[in-house]
Amino acid sequence: YLMKNTFDYNCLVFVNNRATVEKTTRSLKIIQNLHGCSKYVLAHHGSISSEYRKEAEDILKNKHQNSTIISTSTLELGIDVGDLDRVVQIEPPYTCSSFLQRMGRSGRRTGKPVLRMMCKREDSLPGASLFDIPMNLIRAIAIVELTINNHWVEPTLYSSKPFGLLYQQTLAYIKSKVDVRLSNLRDDVFSLYPFRNITWDEYLILLKHLIRSGHLYLMPESRCIVLGSFGEIVTKSYDFYAMFKSKKEISVKYNGNIIGTIQGAPTVNDLISLVGRTWKVISCNDWEANVEPSTEFAISSWRSGVPDIHGTIMRKMHNVLKSNEIYEYLDESAVKELIRIRIHAKNCRVTDFIFESDGFIVIHPWIGTIQFETLLSVLSTFDSVKKIRSLSPYKIIVDTDDTVKQLLDKIRAFDFDKYDNKDIFTSDPGSLMSHHKYSNFAPMELIKSMYLADRLDFNFEL
């Protein structure tokens, strides 16, 4: 199906992760070879070397031949991709903004953007024993409806207390100056707009912590602030000025040239999938692996989390499940699948928000990921709740002696400002520090403050 939708076109195929890029690129090449097709099929994602990515971009812009590039969001914006006939999306993206940006990549030749979206027929969410309703088709419809008919995209999200960014800007400022005093940091760094929700006292806490930990040093006589030993190491890193967080990756080389990177150190004879091909490891160490081509099949994986889903998309998905509307852009098989899913959802009471079942209280909140996590934290504060199982952001099963009404009353009456034990909302230090680069250099009290500001949202109803 993918070959039929790409064979005669110059097109981009978007997928949601790097492993799927590699698997799809290799599979499409095999299918095309079986049909005697020699069309270019290339991979493009952040773990492929810049030389191979540039090759894909140049081929895509060639007006004299058609090509298919399989990509993650690396080709979503900011790079000239020439005149594309169409875009294909394998599984829906997680945001309306991505859908809109990807659809807008096509149509320069014809003046009419074209996007084909493919959703795999599935029995349930992968690995989800709590929730047996397939959601990809429903999310796809919800995103199309919100973007095309409601003209809605997600609002821009930003950290209200970006202590990691404040750390980086403080060290960058000190690195570029001499005779830096506290008043300079207050006027030139702390006053910047991104830090408007951070108090001066919080900044002082950060600075004192950085001095104690060796990232900064306070000159005893002049009272000037300079980089400490750890600060010198951090600022000399090649990626110091990049604010996105990346995991450590191993370079993969063929004939001395880097073809890309993978996560985790392989061993000799391991198979690696990269740039749409399979490679066998012939030698390796902790920072690089040397490879040779292989005809065997391999799947490389990269660890990356699932993006948050906005509450507006979740509510639209709920509406799609409850509705009887058949959408004109669905093909025949998608219509049949939608009808099947709706019947199944009704039988499983998935569109019901909260009810009792087999001695448990089942909640389908249909709220965004952040609100879902907030609800879980609220439920964990109740003494009457014995155990909670959940599948974010779809379903919560609560073992409690409360009735539905009693539990709802407790949720609605919960007042975070008056709740004493706020540490229950920040009980996992690892997740606190995983959201922002450099946040692990801030003291825990500031990390918790940042987490509470960014990852709690009580603005929801059941």
Protein backbone atom coordinates (compact mmCIF):
# COMPACT_ATOMS: atom_id res chain seq x y z
CA TYR A 1 0.00 0.00 0.00
CA LEU A 2 2.84 2.38 0.81
CA MET A 3 4.56 1.61 -2.50
CA LYS A 4 1.35 2.29 -4.46
CA ASN A 5 0.98 5.64 -2.71
CA THR A 6 4.58 6.72 -3.30
CA PHE A 7 5.77 5.02 -6.50
CA ASP A 8 4.79 7.75 -9.00
CA TYR A 9 5.45 10.70 -6.70
CA ASN A 10 8.20 12.78 -5.20
CA CYS A 11 7.21 12.43 -1.58
CA LEU A 12 8.02 12.46 2.09
CA VAL A 13 6.88 9.67 4.40
CA PHE A 14 6.63 10.74 8.04
CA VAL A 15 6.71 8.28 10.93
CA ASN A 16 6.75 8.86 14.68
CA ASN A 17 10.12 7.41 15.69
CA ARG A 18 13.57 6.52 14.36
CA ALA A 19 13.15 2.74 14.62
CA THR A 20 10.11 2.93 12.33
CA VAL A 21 12.10 5.04 9.84
CA GLU A 22 14.71 2.30 9.57
CA LYS A 23 12.23 -0.56 9.39
CA THR A 24 10.03 1.20 6.81
CA THR A 25 12.94 2.28 4.61
CA ARG A 26 14.39 -1.21 4.44
CA SER A 27 10.97 -2.83 3.89
CA LEU A 28 9.99 -0.42 1.11
CA LYS A 29 13.32 -1.05 -0.65
CA ILE A 30 12.65 -4.80 -0.56
CA ILE A 31 9.11 -4.38 -1.91
CA GLN A 32 10.30 -2.11 -4.71
CA ASN A 33 13.10 -4.50 -5.69
CA LEU A 34 10.58 -7.33 -5.93
CA HIS A 35 8.63 -5.18 -8.41
CA GLY A 36 11.71 -4.19 -10.38
CA CYS A 37 11.62 -0.56 -9.22
CA SER A 38 14.85 1.40 -8.85
CA LYS A 39 13.40 4.54 -7.24
CA TYR A 40 15.46 6.21 -4.53
CA VAL A 41 14.29 5.35 -0.99
CA LEU A 42 16.31 7.00 1.78
CA ALA A 43 16.09 7.45 5.56
CA HIS A 44 16.32 10.75 7.46
CA HIS A 45 16.41 11.17 11.25
CA GLY A 46 18.52 12.76 13.95
CA SER A 47 20.80 9.73 14.50
CA ILE A 48 21.92 9.60 10.86
CA SER A 49 25.12 11.49 10.04
CA SER A 50 24.82 14.94 8.45
CA GLU A 51 26.38 13.67 5.20
CA TYR A 52 23.71 10.99 4.72
CA ARG A 53 20.94 13.41 5.71
CA LYS A 54 22.21 15.98 3.20
CA GLU A 55 22.28 13.30 0.50
CA ALA A 56 18.61 12.56 1.17
CA GLU A 57 17.71 16.26 1.12
CA ASP A 58 19.55 16.87 -2.17
CA ILE A 59 17.91 13.88 -3.85
CA LEU A 60 14.50 15.02 -2.62
CA LYS A 61 15.03 18.46 -4.21
CA ASN A 62 16.08 17.01 -7.58
CA LYS A 63 13.37 18.08 -10.06
CA HIS A 64 14.34 15.43 -12.62
CA GLN A 65 13.54 12.32 -10.60
CA ASN A 66 11.07 11.08 -8.02
CA SER A 67 12.26 9.87 -4.65
CA THR A 68 10.80 8.75 -1.34
CA ILE A 69 12.37 9.90 1.92
CA ILE A 70 11.26 8.26 5.18
CA SER A 71 11.65 10.74 8.03
CA THR A 72 10.87 11.65 11.59
CA SER A 73 10.17 15.30 12.47
CA THR A 74 13.67 16.25 11.22
CA LEU A 75 12.13 17.21 7.87
CA GLU A 76 8.99 18.70 9.37
CA LEU A 77 10.18 22.30 9.10
CA GLY A 78 13.19 24.52 8.54
CA ILE A 79 14.75 22.56 5.65
CA ASP A 80 14.07 23.19 1.95
CA VAL A 81 12.60 19.97 0.55
CA GLY A 82 11.80 21.26 -2.94
CA ASP A 83 8.57 20.48 -4.80
CA LEU A 84 6.77 17.54 -3.23
CA ASP A 85 3.77 15.88 -4.81
CA ARG A 86 2.46 14.45 -1.58
CA VAL A 87 3.18 13.52 2.00
CA VAL A 88 2.40 10.15 3.56
CA GLN A 89 1.98 9.77 7.32
CA ILE A 90 2.32 6.32 8.88
CA GLU A 91 0.23 6.38 12.05
CA PRO A 92 -1.09 9.75 13.21
CA PRO A 93 1.24 12.28 14.84
CA TYR A 94 0.55 13.25 18.43
CA THR A 95 -0.16 16.93 17.77
CA CYS A 96 -2.23 19.00 15.38
CA SER A 97 0.73 21.32 14.84
CA SER A 98 2.84 18.44 13.49
CA PHE A 99 0.00 17.30 11.23
CA LEU A 100 -0.47 20.80 9.84
CA GLN A 101 3.26 21.34 9.29
CA ARG A 102 3.69 17.97 7.58
CA MET A 103 0.69 18.42 5.31
CA GLY A 104 2.02 21.85 4.32
CA ARG A 105 5.25 20.31 3.02
CA SER A 106 3.48 19.08 -0.12
CA GLY A 107 1.60 20.66 -3.00
CA ARG A 108 4.10 23.16 -4.39
CA ARG A 109 3.92 21.62 -7.88
CA THR A 110 0.13 21.34 -7.97
CA GLY A 111 -0.87 24.09 -5.55
CA LYS A 112 -2.89 21.52 -3.60
CA PRO A 113 -1.38 19.88 -0.48
CA VAL A 114 -1.94 16.13 -0.35
CA LEU A 115 -1.44 13.93 2.70
CA ARG A 116 -2.23 10.22 2.84
CA MET A 117 -2.39 8.77 6.34
CA MET A 118 -1.99 5.07 7.03
CA CYS A 119 -3.24 3.50 10.27
CA LYS A 120 -2.48 -0.13 11.03
CA ARG A 121 -5.46 -2.26 11.90
CA GLU A 122 -4.93 -3.21 15.52
CA ASP A 123 -6.84 -5.17 18.14
CA SER A 124 -5.74 -2.98 21.04
CA LEU A 125 -3.15 -0.54 22.24
CA PRO A 126 0.30 -2.22 22.07
CA GLY A 127 1.04 -3.97 25.36
CA ALA A 128 -2.06 -2.51 26.99
CA SER A 129 -3.89 -5.08 29.07
CA LEU A 130 -6.01 -2.38 30.73
CA PHE A 131 -7.37 -0.85 27.55
CA ASP A 132 -8.40 -2.89 24.52
CA ILE A 133 -9.64 -0.13 22.22
CA PRO A 134 -7.34 0.77 19.28
CA MET A 135 -6.76 4.51 19.37
CA ASN A 136 -4.60 5.39 16.35
CA LEU A 137 -7.50 5.72 13.90
CA ILE A 138 -9.53 7.68 16.45
CA ARG A 139 -6.62 10.03 17.15
CA ALA A 140 -6.07 10.48 13.42
CA ILE A 141 -9.69 11.55 12.89
CA ALA A 142 -9.63 13.84 15.91
CA ILE A 143 -6.47 15.59 14.69
CA VAL A 144 -7.83 16.04 11.15
CA GLU A 145 -11.14 17.40 12.45
CA LEU A 146 -9.49 19.86 14.84
CA THR A 147 -6.93 21.07 12.31
CA ILE A 148 -8.96 21.26 9.11
CA ASN A 149 -12.47 22.01 10.35
CA ASN A 150 -11.86 23.76 13.69
CA HIS A 151 -8.61 25.52 12.65
CA TRP A 152 -7.10 24.60 16.02
CA VAL A 153 -3.49 23.82 16.97
CA GLU A 154 -1.92 23.38 20.37
CA PRO A 155 -0.82 26.52 22.21
CA THR A 156 2.93 26.93 22.60
CA LEU A 157 4.15 25.31 25.81
CA TYR A 158 7.11 26.60 27.78
CA SER A 159 8.51 26.04 31.24
CA SER A 160 7.26 28.64 33.69
CA LYS A 161 10.34 28.12 35.89
CA PRO A 162 13.18 27.07 33.54
CA PHE A 163 15.98 26.63 36.06
CA GLY A 164 18.01 24.58 33.56
CA LEU A 165 17.94 27.45 31.09
CA LEU A 166 18.79 29.91 33.88
CA TYR A 167 21.80 27.76 34.77
CA GLN A 168 23.00 27.73 31.14
CA GLN A 169 22.50 31.47 30.62
CA THR A 170 24.26 32.27 33.90
CA LEU A 171 27.34 30.23 32.98
CA ALA A 172 27.36 31.52 29.39
CA TYR A 173 27.22 35.12 30.65
CA ILE A 174 30.02 34.60 33.17
CA LYS A 175 32.13 32.80 30.56
CA SER A 176 31.89 35.80 28.20
CA LYS A 177 32.62 38.52 30.79
CA VAL A 178 35.15 39.64 33.37
CA ASP A 179 34.41 41.16 36.76
CA VAL A 180 30.89 39.70 36.97
CA ARG A 181 29.09 40.74 40.13
CA LEU A 182 25.73 39.83 41.55
CA SER A 183 24.24 43.08 40.27
CA ASN A 184 25.34 42.19 36.71
CA LEU A 185 23.59 38.84 36.90
CA ARG A 186 20.47 40.50 38.25
CA ASP A 187 20.35 43.14 35.50
CA ASP A 188 21.54 41.13 32.51
CA VAL A 189 20.43 37.53 33.16
CA PHE A 190 17.72 37.36 35.80
CA SER A 191 15.79 40.18 34.09
CA LEU A 192 15.35 38.18 30.84
CA TYR A 193 11.74 37.41 29.92
CA PRO A 194 11.90 33.58 30.22
CA PHE A 195 12.72 33.97 33.94
CA ARG A 196 9.83 36.30 34.83
CA ASN A 197 8.16 33.67 37.06
CA ILE A 198 11.35 32.93 39.01
CA THR A 199 11.83 34.97 42.16
CA TRP A 200 15.08 36.68 43.14
CA ASP A 201 15.27 34.48 46.23
CA GLU A 202 15.07 31.38 44.02
CA TYR A 203 17.88 32.71 41.84
CA LEU A 204 20.01 33.29 44.94
CA ILE A 205 19.34 29.70 46.03
CA LEU A 206 20.52 28.50 42.62
CA LEU A 207 23.68 30.66 42.69
CA LYS A 208 24.64 29.55 46.21
CA HIS A 209 24.12 25.92 45.21
CA LEU A 210 26.32 26.35 42.11
CA ILE A 211 29.07 27.91 44.22
CA ARG A 212 28.91 25.05 46.74
CA SER A 213 28.97 22.43 43.96
CA GLY A 214 31.95 23.94 42.14
CA HIS A 215 30.16 25.20 39.04
CA LEU A 216 30.82 28.79 40.12
CA TYR A 217 33.43 30.39 42.34
CA LEU A 218 33.08 33.57 44.40
CA MET A 219 36.35 35.51 44.58
CA PRO A 220 36.87 36.24 48.31
CA GLU A 221 38.31 39.76 47.97
CA SER A 222 36.69 41.25 44.86
CA ARG A 223 33.37 39.39 45.34
CA CYS A 224 33.39 38.72 41.59
CA ILE A 225 31.84 35.48 40.33
CA VAL A 226 33.83 33.27 37.95
CA LEU A 227 33.46 29.76 36.58
CA GLY A 228 34.40 26.97 38.96
CA SER A 229 36.15 23.76 37.96
CA PHE A 230 32.93 21.93 37.07
CA GLY A 231 31.58 25.01 35.30
CA GLU A 232 34.70 25.11 33.11
CA ILE A 233 34.13 21.49 32.09
CA VAL A 234 30.45 22.04 31.27
CA THR A 235 30.99 25.19 29.21
CA LYS A 236 33.76 23.56 27.14
CA SER A 237 31.40 20.84 25.95
CA TYR A 238 30.57 21.03 22.23
CA ASP A 239 26.82 20.98 22.95
CA PHE A 240 26.81 23.45 25.86
CA TYR A 241 24.68 25.99 23.99
CA ALA A 242 22.09 23.45 22.82
CA MET A 243 19.10 23.36 25.15
CA PHE A 244 17.58 20.13 23.89
CA LYS A 245 18.44 17.02 25.86
CA SER A 246 20.01 14.08 24.04
CA LYS A 247 21.02 10.63 25.23
CA LYS A 248 24.57 9.37 24.85
CA GLU A 249 24.99 7.62 21.51
CA ILE A 250 27.72 5.46 19.96
CA SER A 251 29.18 6.47 16.58
CA VAL A 252 28.81 3.87 13.83
CA LYS A 253 31.54 3.89 11.16
CA TYR A 254 31.92 2.19 7.79
CA ASN A 255 35.31 2.47 6.03
CA GLY A 256 36.29 5.19 8.50
CA ASN A 257 33.24 7.39 7.77
CA ILE A 258 30.48 8.00 10.31
CA ILE A 259 27.10 6.83 9.04
CA GLY A 260 25.20 7.64 12.21
CA THR A 261 24.79 6.85 15.89
CA ILE A 262 22.95 4.32 18.03
CA GLN A 263 22.08 4.18 21.73
CA GLY A 264 23.97 1.65 23.80
CA ALA A 265 27.27 -0.07 23.06
CA PRO A 266 26.93 -3.09 20.73
CA THR A 267 29.13 -6.20 20.68
CA VAL A 268 31.02 -7.81 17.82
CA ASN A 269 28.70 -9.56 15.30
CA ASP A 270 25.68 -7.57 16.45
CA LEU A 271 23.41 -6.37 13.64
CA ILE A 272 22.52 -2.69 13.36
CA SER A 273 19.84 -1.04 11.22
CA LEU A 274 20.91 2.43 10.08
CA VAL A 275 20.30 4.60 6.96
CA GLY A 276 17.83 1.97 5.77
CA ARG A 277 20.46 -0.78 5.64
CA THR A 278 21.72 -3.57 7.91
CA TRP A 279 25.28 -3.57 9.21
CA LYS A 280 27.31 -6.16 11.14
CA VAL A 281 29.63 -4.96 13.91
CA ILE A 282 33.25 -6.02 13.26
CA SER A 283 34.85 -4.09 16.14
CA CYS A 284 33.64 -1.72 18.86
CA ASN A 285 34.43 0.13 22.07
CA ASP A 286 32.56 2.47 24.41
CA TRP A 287 32.38 5.33 21.90
CA GLU A 288 32.30 3.83 18.38
CA ALA A 289 31.51 0.72 16.38
CA ASN A 290 33.02 -0.26 13.03
CA VAL A 291 30.67 -2.12 10.73
CA GLU A 292 30.37 -3.82 7.36
CA PRO A 293 27.26 -4.29 5.17
CA SER A 294 25.02 -7.26 5.89
CA THR A 295 22.10 -8.83 4.04
CA GLU A 296 20.44 -9.98 7.27
CA PHE A 297 17.52 -8.22 8.97
CA ALA A 298 17.92 -6.11 12.10
CA ILE A 299 15.94 -3.62 14.16
CA SER A 300 17.71 -0.82 16.01
CA SER A 301 15.83 0.90 18.81
CA TRP A 302 16.21 4.35 20.29
CA ARG A 303 14.74 5.18 23.68
CA SER A 304 12.32 8.07 23.45
CA GLY A 305 9.15 8.85 25.35
CA VAL A 306 5.66 9.28 23.96
CA PRO A 307 4.76 12.98 23.61
CA ASP A 308 2.04 14.49 25.75
CA ILE A 309 -1.41 14.56 24.17
CA HIS A 310 -3.37 17.80 24.62
CA GLY A 311 -6.72 17.70 26.40
CA THR A 312 -8.51 19.18 23.36
CA ILE A 313 -7.41 16.19 21.26
CA MET A 314 -8.54 13.76 23.96
CA ARG A 315 -11.98 15.39 24.16
CA LYS A 316 -12.31 15.30 20.37
CA MET A 317 -11.37 11.60 20.40
CA HIS A 318 -14.15 11.02 22.91
CA ASN A 319 -16.58 12.87 20.62
CA VAL A 320 -15.46 10.80 17.62
CA LEU A 321 -16.12 7.57 19.53
CA LYS A 322 -19.59 8.70 20.63
CA SER A 323 -20.59 10.13 17.25
CA ASN A 324 -22.23 8.30 14.36
CA GLU A 325 -20.61 10.56 11.77
CA ILE A 326 -18.75 8.98 8.85
CA TYR A 327 -15.97 11.25 7.64
CA GLU A 328 -15.62 11.80 3.90
CA TYR A 329 -11.81 11.47 3.85
CA LEU A 330 -11.87 7.87 5.17
CA ASP A 331 -11.50 5.02 2.69
CA GLU A 332 -13.74 1.96 2.80
CA SER A 333 -11.55 -0.09 5.12
CA ALA A 334 -11.18 2.83 7.55
CA VAL A 335 -14.97 3.29 7.68
CA LYS A 336 -15.44 -0.39 8.54
CA GLU A 337 -12.75 -0.15 11.21
CA LEU A 338 -14.30 2.99 12.71
CA ILE A 339 -17.70 1.30 12.97
CA ARG A 340 -16.12 -1.76 14.60
CA ILE A 341 -14.19 0.37 17.10
CA ARG A 342 -17.29 2.37 18.06
CA ILE A 343 -19.30 -0.78 18.73
CA HIS A 344 -16.46 -2.24 20.76
CA ALA A 345 -16.02 1.02 22.71
CA LYS A 346 -19.71 1.11 23.57
CA ASN A 347 -19.67 -2.50 24.77
CA CYS A 348 -16.61 -1.78 26.95
CA ARG A 349 -18.11 1.49 28.28
CA VAL A 350 -15.00 3.37 27.15
CA THR A 351 -16.99 6.55 26.52
CA ASP A 352 -18.36 6.47 30.09
CA PHE A 353 -16.27 8.73 32.31
CA ILE A 354 -16.53 6.89 35.63
CA PHE A 355 -18.39 3.80 36.88
CA GLU A 356 -18.15 0.80 39.20
CA SER A 357 -17.12 -2.56 37.76
CA ASP A 358 -16.29 -5.82 39.57
CA GLY A 359 -15.63 -4.05 42.87
CA PHE A 360 -13.38 -1.37 41.33
CA ILE A 361 -13.98 2.17 40.12
CA VAL A 362 -13.06 2.64 36.47
CA ILE A 363 -12.23 6.12 35.17
CA HIS A 364 -11.91 7.13 31.53
CA PRO A 365 -11.16 10.82 32.12
CA TRP A 366 -10.58 11.91 28.46
CA ILE A 367 -8.20 14.65 29.58
CA GLY A 368 -4.67 15.57 28.46
CA THR A 369 -1.54 13.71 29.57
CA ILE A 370 -0.50 16.34 32.13
CA GLN A 371 -4.01 16.53 33.61
CA PHE A 372 -4.12 12.71 33.68
CA GLU A 373 -0.88 12.55 35.67
CA THR A 374 -2.23 15.23 38.01
CA LEU A 375 -5.39 13.18 38.60
CA LEU A 376 -3.29 10.12 39.43
CA SER A 377 -1.35 12.15 42.00
CA VAL A 378 -4.57 13.45 43.56
CA LEU A 379 -6.00 9.92 43.84
CA SER A 380 -2.82 8.74 45.56
CA THR A 381 -3.37 11.26 48.38
CA PHE A 382 -6.62 9.60 49.53
CA ASP A 383 -6.35 7.15 52.44
CA SER A 384 -9.39 5.29 51.11
CA VAL A 385 -7.55 4.39 47.88
CA LYS A 386 -5.76 1.05 48.25
CA LYS A 387 -4.27 0.58 44.77
CA ILE A 388 -4.25 2.31 41.40
CA ARG A 389 -3.57 0.88 37.95
CA SER A 390 -3.43 3.13 34.93
CA LEU A 391 -2.68 3.44 31.23
CA SER A 392 -1.91 7.07 30.40
CA PRO A 393 -3.85 9.00 29.27
CA TYR A 394 -6.79 6.63 28.78
CA LYS A 395 -7.79 4.60 31.81
CA ILE A 396 -7.50 4.43 35.60
CA ILE A 397 -8.68 1.51 37.77
CA VAL A 398 -9.04 2.38 41.45
CA ASP A 399 -9.28 -0.16 44.28
CA THR A 400 -11.19 1.70 46.98
CA ASP A 401 -14.02 1.34 49.46
CA ASP A 402 -15.46 4.65 48.24
CA THR A 403 -18.50 4.83 46.03
CA VAL A 404 -18.29 6.69 42.73
CA LYS A 405 -19.97 9.72 44.31
CA GLN A 406 -17.68 9.71 47.33
CA LEU A 407 -14.57 9.49 45.14
CA LEU A 408 -15.78 12.26 42.83
CA ASP A 409 -16.58 14.47 45.81
CA LYS A 410 -13.04 13.97 47.16
CA ILE A 411 -11.46 14.79 43.80
CA ARG A 412 -13.53 17.96 43.42
CA ALA A 413 -12.86 19.06 46.99
CA PHE A 414 -9.09 18.57 46.77
CA ASP A 415 -7.20 21.82 47.37
CA PHE A 416 -3.52 21.64 46.46
CA ASP A 417 -2.68 24.92 48.20
CA LYS A 418 -4.00 23.58 51.50
CA TYR A 419 -2.48 20.11 51.13
CA ASP A 420 0.53 19.74 53.44
CA ASN A 421 2.45 16.79 51.96
CA LYS A 422 3.29 18.19 48.52
CA ASP A 423 6.25 15.82 48.23
CA ILE A 424 3.81 13.10 47.16
CA PHE A 425 3.48 15.00 43.87
CA THR A 426 7.27 14.99 43.36
CA SER A 427 8.19 11.55 44.68
CA ASP A 428 10.23 10.46 41.64
CA PRO A 429 13.46 12.53 41.38
CA GLY A 430 14.39 10.84 38.10
CA SER A 431 11.27 12.04 36.33
CA LEU A 432 11.73 15.51 37.82
CA MET A 433 15.14 15.94 36.24
CA SER A 434 14.34 14.25 32.93
CA HIS A 435 12.26 17.09 31.50
CA HIS A 436 14.95 19.75 31.02
CA LYS A 437 18.63 19.79 30.18
CA TYR A 438 20.83 21.05 33.05
CA SER A 439 18.00 20.74 35.58
CA ASN A 440 20.08 18.15 37.47
CA PHE A 441 22.54 20.96 38.34
CA ALA A 442 19.86 22.82 40.31
CA PRO A 443 19.09 22.00 43.96
CA MET A 444 16.23 19.57 44.51
CA GLU A 445 13.95 22.20 46.05
CA LEU A 446 14.07 24.23 42.80
CA ILE A 447 13.63 21.13 40.64
CA LYS A 448 10.50 20.28 42.61
CA SER A 449 9.23 23.83 42.24
CA MET A 450 9.78 23.64 38.47
CA TYR A 451 8.04 20.27 38.23
CA LEU A 452 5.02 21.44 40.19
CA ALA A 453 4.72 24.51 37.96
CA ASP A 454 5.12 22.62 34.67
CA ARG A 455 3.61 19.17 35.26
CA LEU A 456 0.56 19.84 37.43
CA ASP A 457 -2.73 21.05 35.96
CA PHE A 458 -5.89 20.85 38.04
CA ASN A 459 -7.99 22.46 35.31
CA PHE A 460 -10.05 19.42 34.38
CA GLU A 461 -13.49 17.96 35.01
CA LEU A 462 -14.74 14.38 35.13
